[in-house]
Amino acid sequence: MRGQWKGRRGLFPIVMSLIFTFSVLTGCSGKDNKTMEQLSAAQIGQRIEQAVNLENMKAGDQNKLYKLYKIEADSVEDFILYTSTSNVRADELAVIKLKDSSQVENAKAKLEQRIDAQKLKFKDYRPDEYFLVEHHVLKTKGPFIFFAVSKEAAQMERAFDGAF
């Protein structure tokens, strides 16, 4: 009888540590989902503006969003859009929060069409701008889509990632 108790006593700390680890992991995962739901594209845009200078870009509206990416306004909860002030520059920044996460892949495909069009536009005309388009950043996180074409795309991406 005494031998059985010693074996169980050795198992107790292991079971408690597993329970603790499980509690921590499930607690953290719920917090991330809630934070993502509460986060807006404008808040992410503020983080990006703190990381990089967007003075050489102009803000876009829903019409510009549709014109560039063919994303319907009724599927978008919130967005920020910045484009170059000149049509001979490829700089773009977009953070789009969709109302429904199931639409992310469709919207991402539309942004990829924009990238392909910009590659054709700049390939022979402006090799330096073509390089920026080639090295764009396009990623998703939950209902968010992040797209950047810029010399500072890496800093923009870090600011986007840091928002979560």
Protein backbone atom coordinates (compact mmCIF):
# COMPACT_ATOMS: atom_id res chain seq x y z
CA MET A 1 0.00 0.00 0.00
CA ARG A 2 2.77 2.38 0.92
CA GLY A 3 4.54 1.76 -2.46
CA GLN A 4 1.42 2.75 -4.39
CA TRP A 5 1.19 6.09 -2.54
CA LYS A 6 4.79 6.98 -3.32
CA GLY A 7 4.14 6.43 -7.04
CA ARG A 8 1.08 8.67 -6.97
CA ARG A 9 2.89 11.41 -5.07
CA GLY A 10 5.50 11.54 -7.84
CA LEU A 11 2.74 11.85 -10.44
CA PHE A 12 0.95 14.72 -8.69
CA PRO A 13 3.43 17.51 -9.66
CA ILE A 14 3.40 16.34 -13.28
CA VAL A 15 -0.40 16.40 -13.47
CA MET A 16 -0.52 19.85 -11.83
CA SER A 17 2.04 21.27 -14.26
CA LEU A 18 0.06 19.91 -17.21
CA ILE A 19 -3.14 21.49 -15.89
CA PHE A 20 -1.34 24.81 -15.39
CA THR A 21 0.17 24.73 -18.90
CA PHE A 22 -3.19 23.91 -20.47
CA SER A 23 -4.86 26.76 -18.56
CA VAL A 24 -2.26 29.28 -19.66
CA LEU A 25 -2.42 28.23 -23.31
CA THR A 26 -6.21 28.28 -23.52
CA GLY A 27 -6.36 31.61 -21.70
CA CYS A 28 -3.91 33.22 -24.13
CA SER A 29 -5.61 31.92 -27.25
CA GLY A 30 -8.98 33.35 -26.22
CA LYS A 31 -7.44 36.74 -25.53
CA ASP A 32 -5.86 36.93 -29.00
CA ASN A 33 -9.18 36.27 -30.74
CA LYS A 34 -10.96 38.90 -28.66
CA THR A 35 -8.20 41.44 -29.26
CA MET A 36 -8.30 40.80 -33.01
CA GLU A 37 -12.07 41.33 -33.09
CA GLN A 38 -11.72 44.64 -31.24
CA LEU A 39 -8.77 45.90 -33.28
CA SER A 40 -9.50 48.21 -36.20
CA ALA A 41 -7.56 48.89 -39.39
CA ALA A 42 -7.27 52.53 -38.28
CA GLN A 43 -5.51 51.46 -35.07
CA ILE A 44 -3.08 49.35 -37.06
CA GLY A 45 -2.60 52.29 -39.41
CA GLN A 46 -1.63 54.50 -36.48
CA ARG A 47 1.03 51.97 -35.47
CA ILE A 48 2.38 51.95 -39.02
CA GLU A 49 2.41 55.77 -39.15
CA GLN A 50 4.50 55.79 -35.98
CA ALA A 51 6.98 53.37 -37.57
CA VAL A 52 7.36 54.99 -41.00
CA ASN A 53 6.83 58.34 -42.69
CA LEU A 54 3.75 58.36 -44.94
CA GLU A 55 3.96 62.04 -45.92
CA ASN A 56 4.76 61.20 -49.55
CA MET A 57 1.57 59.15 -49.83
CA LYS A 58 -2.07 60.17 -49.96
CA ALA A 59 -4.99 58.54 -48.18
CA GLY A 60 -7.57 56.74 -50.27
CA ASP A 61 -11.31 56.32 -49.85
CA GLN A 62 -13.77 53.50 -50.61
CA ASN A 63 -13.89 54.47 -54.28
CA LYS A 64 -10.11 54.15 -54.55
CA LEU A 65 -10.22 50.84 -52.67
CA TYR A 66 -12.69 49.48 -55.21
CA LYS A 67 -10.84 50.98 -58.18
CA LEU A 68 -7.51 49.41 -57.20
CA TYR A 69 -8.58 46.08 -55.72
CA LYS A 70 -12.21 45.49 -56.78
CA ILE A 71 -13.19 44.84 -53.16
CA GLU A 72 -16.82 45.73 -52.47
CA ALA A 73 -17.40 48.27 -49.68
CA ASP A 74 -20.15 46.15 -48.08
CA SER A 75 -17.65 43.35 -47.36
CA VAL A 76 -15.20 45.70 -45.60
CA GLU A 77 -15.56 46.56 -41.93
CA ASP A 78 -12.67 49.03 -41.82
CA PHE A 79 -9.61 49.90 -43.90
CA ILE A 80 -6.74 52.28 -44.44
CA LEU A 81 -5.32 52.91 -47.88
CA TYR A 82 -2.36 55.02 -48.92
CA THR A 83 -1.08 55.36 -52.46
CA SER A 84 1.69 57.30 -54.12
CA THR A 85 1.01 60.92 -55.02
CA SER A 86 2.41 60.17 -58.49
CA ASN A 87 1.43 57.48 -60.96
CA VAL A 88 5.10 56.83 -61.76
CA ARG A 89 5.66 55.49 -58.24
CA ALA A 90 4.49 52.09 -57.03
CA ASP A 91 4.15 52.86 -53.29
CA GLU A 92 0.97 51.47 -51.73
CA LEU A 93 -0.17 50.56 -48.26
CA ALA A 94 -3.46 48.87 -47.42
CA VAL A 95 -4.78 47.34 -44.23
CA ILE A 96 -8.24 45.91 -44.77
CA LYS A 97 -10.45 44.37 -42.10
CA LEU A 98 -13.19 42.29 -43.66
CA LYS A 99 -16.55 41.71 -42.04
CA ASP A 100 -16.31 37.97 -42.67
CA SER A 101 -13.04 36.05 -42.37
CA SER A 102 -14.26 33.59 -45.01
CA GLN A 103 -13.82 36.35 -47.63
CA VAL A 104 -10.11 36.81 -46.93
CA GLU A 105 -8.81 34.44 -49.62
CA ASN A 106 -11.06 35.98 -52.28
CA ALA A 107 -9.94 39.50 -51.35
CA LYS A 108 -6.31 38.40 -51.24
CA ALA A 109 -6.64 37.05 -54.78
CA LYS A 110 -7.90 40.47 -55.90
CA LEU A 111 -4.84 42.13 -54.40
CA GLU A 112 -2.64 39.62 -56.22
CA GLN A 113 -4.30 40.73 -59.48
CA ARG A 114 -3.33 44.31 -58.62
CA ILE A 115 0.26 43.19 -58.01
CA ASP A 116 0.37 41.46 -61.41
CA ALA A 117 -0.98 44.61 -63.11
CA GLN A 118 1.61 46.78 -61.38
CA LYS A 119 4.40 44.41 -62.42
CA LEU A 120 3.34 44.76 -66.06
CA LYS A 121 3.10 48.53 -65.72
CA PHE A 122 6.55 49.04 -64.22
CA LYS A 123 8.60 46.15 -65.65
CA ASP A 124 10.13 47.96 -68.63
CA TYR A 125 9.22 51.50 -67.65
CA ARG A 126 10.59 51.93 -64.09
CA PRO A 127 12.88 49.08 -63.01
CA ASP A 128 13.38 50.53 -59.52
CA GLU A 129 9.61 50.64 -58.94
CA TYR A 130 9.26 47.16 -60.44
CA PHE A 131 11.76 45.94 -57.83
CA LEU A 132 9.52 47.33 -55.06
CA VAL A 133 6.45 45.63 -56.54
CA GLU A 134 8.37 42.36 -56.83
CA HIS A 135 9.30 42.59 -53.14
CA HIS A 136 5.85 43.53 -51.87
CA VAL A 137 4.39 42.22 -48.63
CA LEU A 138 0.95 40.59 -48.74
CA LYS A 139 -0.26 38.68 -45.72
CA THR A 140 -3.37 37.91 -43.73
CA LYS A 141 -4.16 37.56 -40.05
CA GLY A 142 -7.72 36.65 -39.13
CA PRO A 143 -10.05 39.09 -40.90
CA PHE A 144 -7.15 41.44 -41.76
CA ILE A 145 -5.24 41.77 -45.03
CA PHE A 146 -1.96 43.68 -45.09
CA PHE A 147 -0.43 44.88 -48.35
CA ALA A 148 2.64 47.07 -48.75
CA VAL A 149 4.78 48.16 -51.67
CA SER A 150 7.49 50.45 -50.37
CA LYS A 151 11.16 50.77 -49.54
CA GLU A 152 9.92 50.62 -45.94
CA ALA A 153 7.64 47.59 -46.40
CA ALA A 154 9.58 45.57 -43.81
CA GLN A 155 9.06 48.24 -41.13
CA MET A 156 5.38 48.46 -42.06
CA GLU A 157 5.08 44.68 -41.76
CA ARG A 158 6.71 44.71 -38.32
CA ALA A 159 4.25 47.39 -37.16
CA PHE A 160 1.35 45.31 -38.51
CA ASP A 161 2.60 42.15 -36.78
CA GLY A 162 3.19 44.08 -33.55
CA ALA A 163 -0.47 45.10 -33.39
CA PHE A 164 -1.52 41.54 -32.55
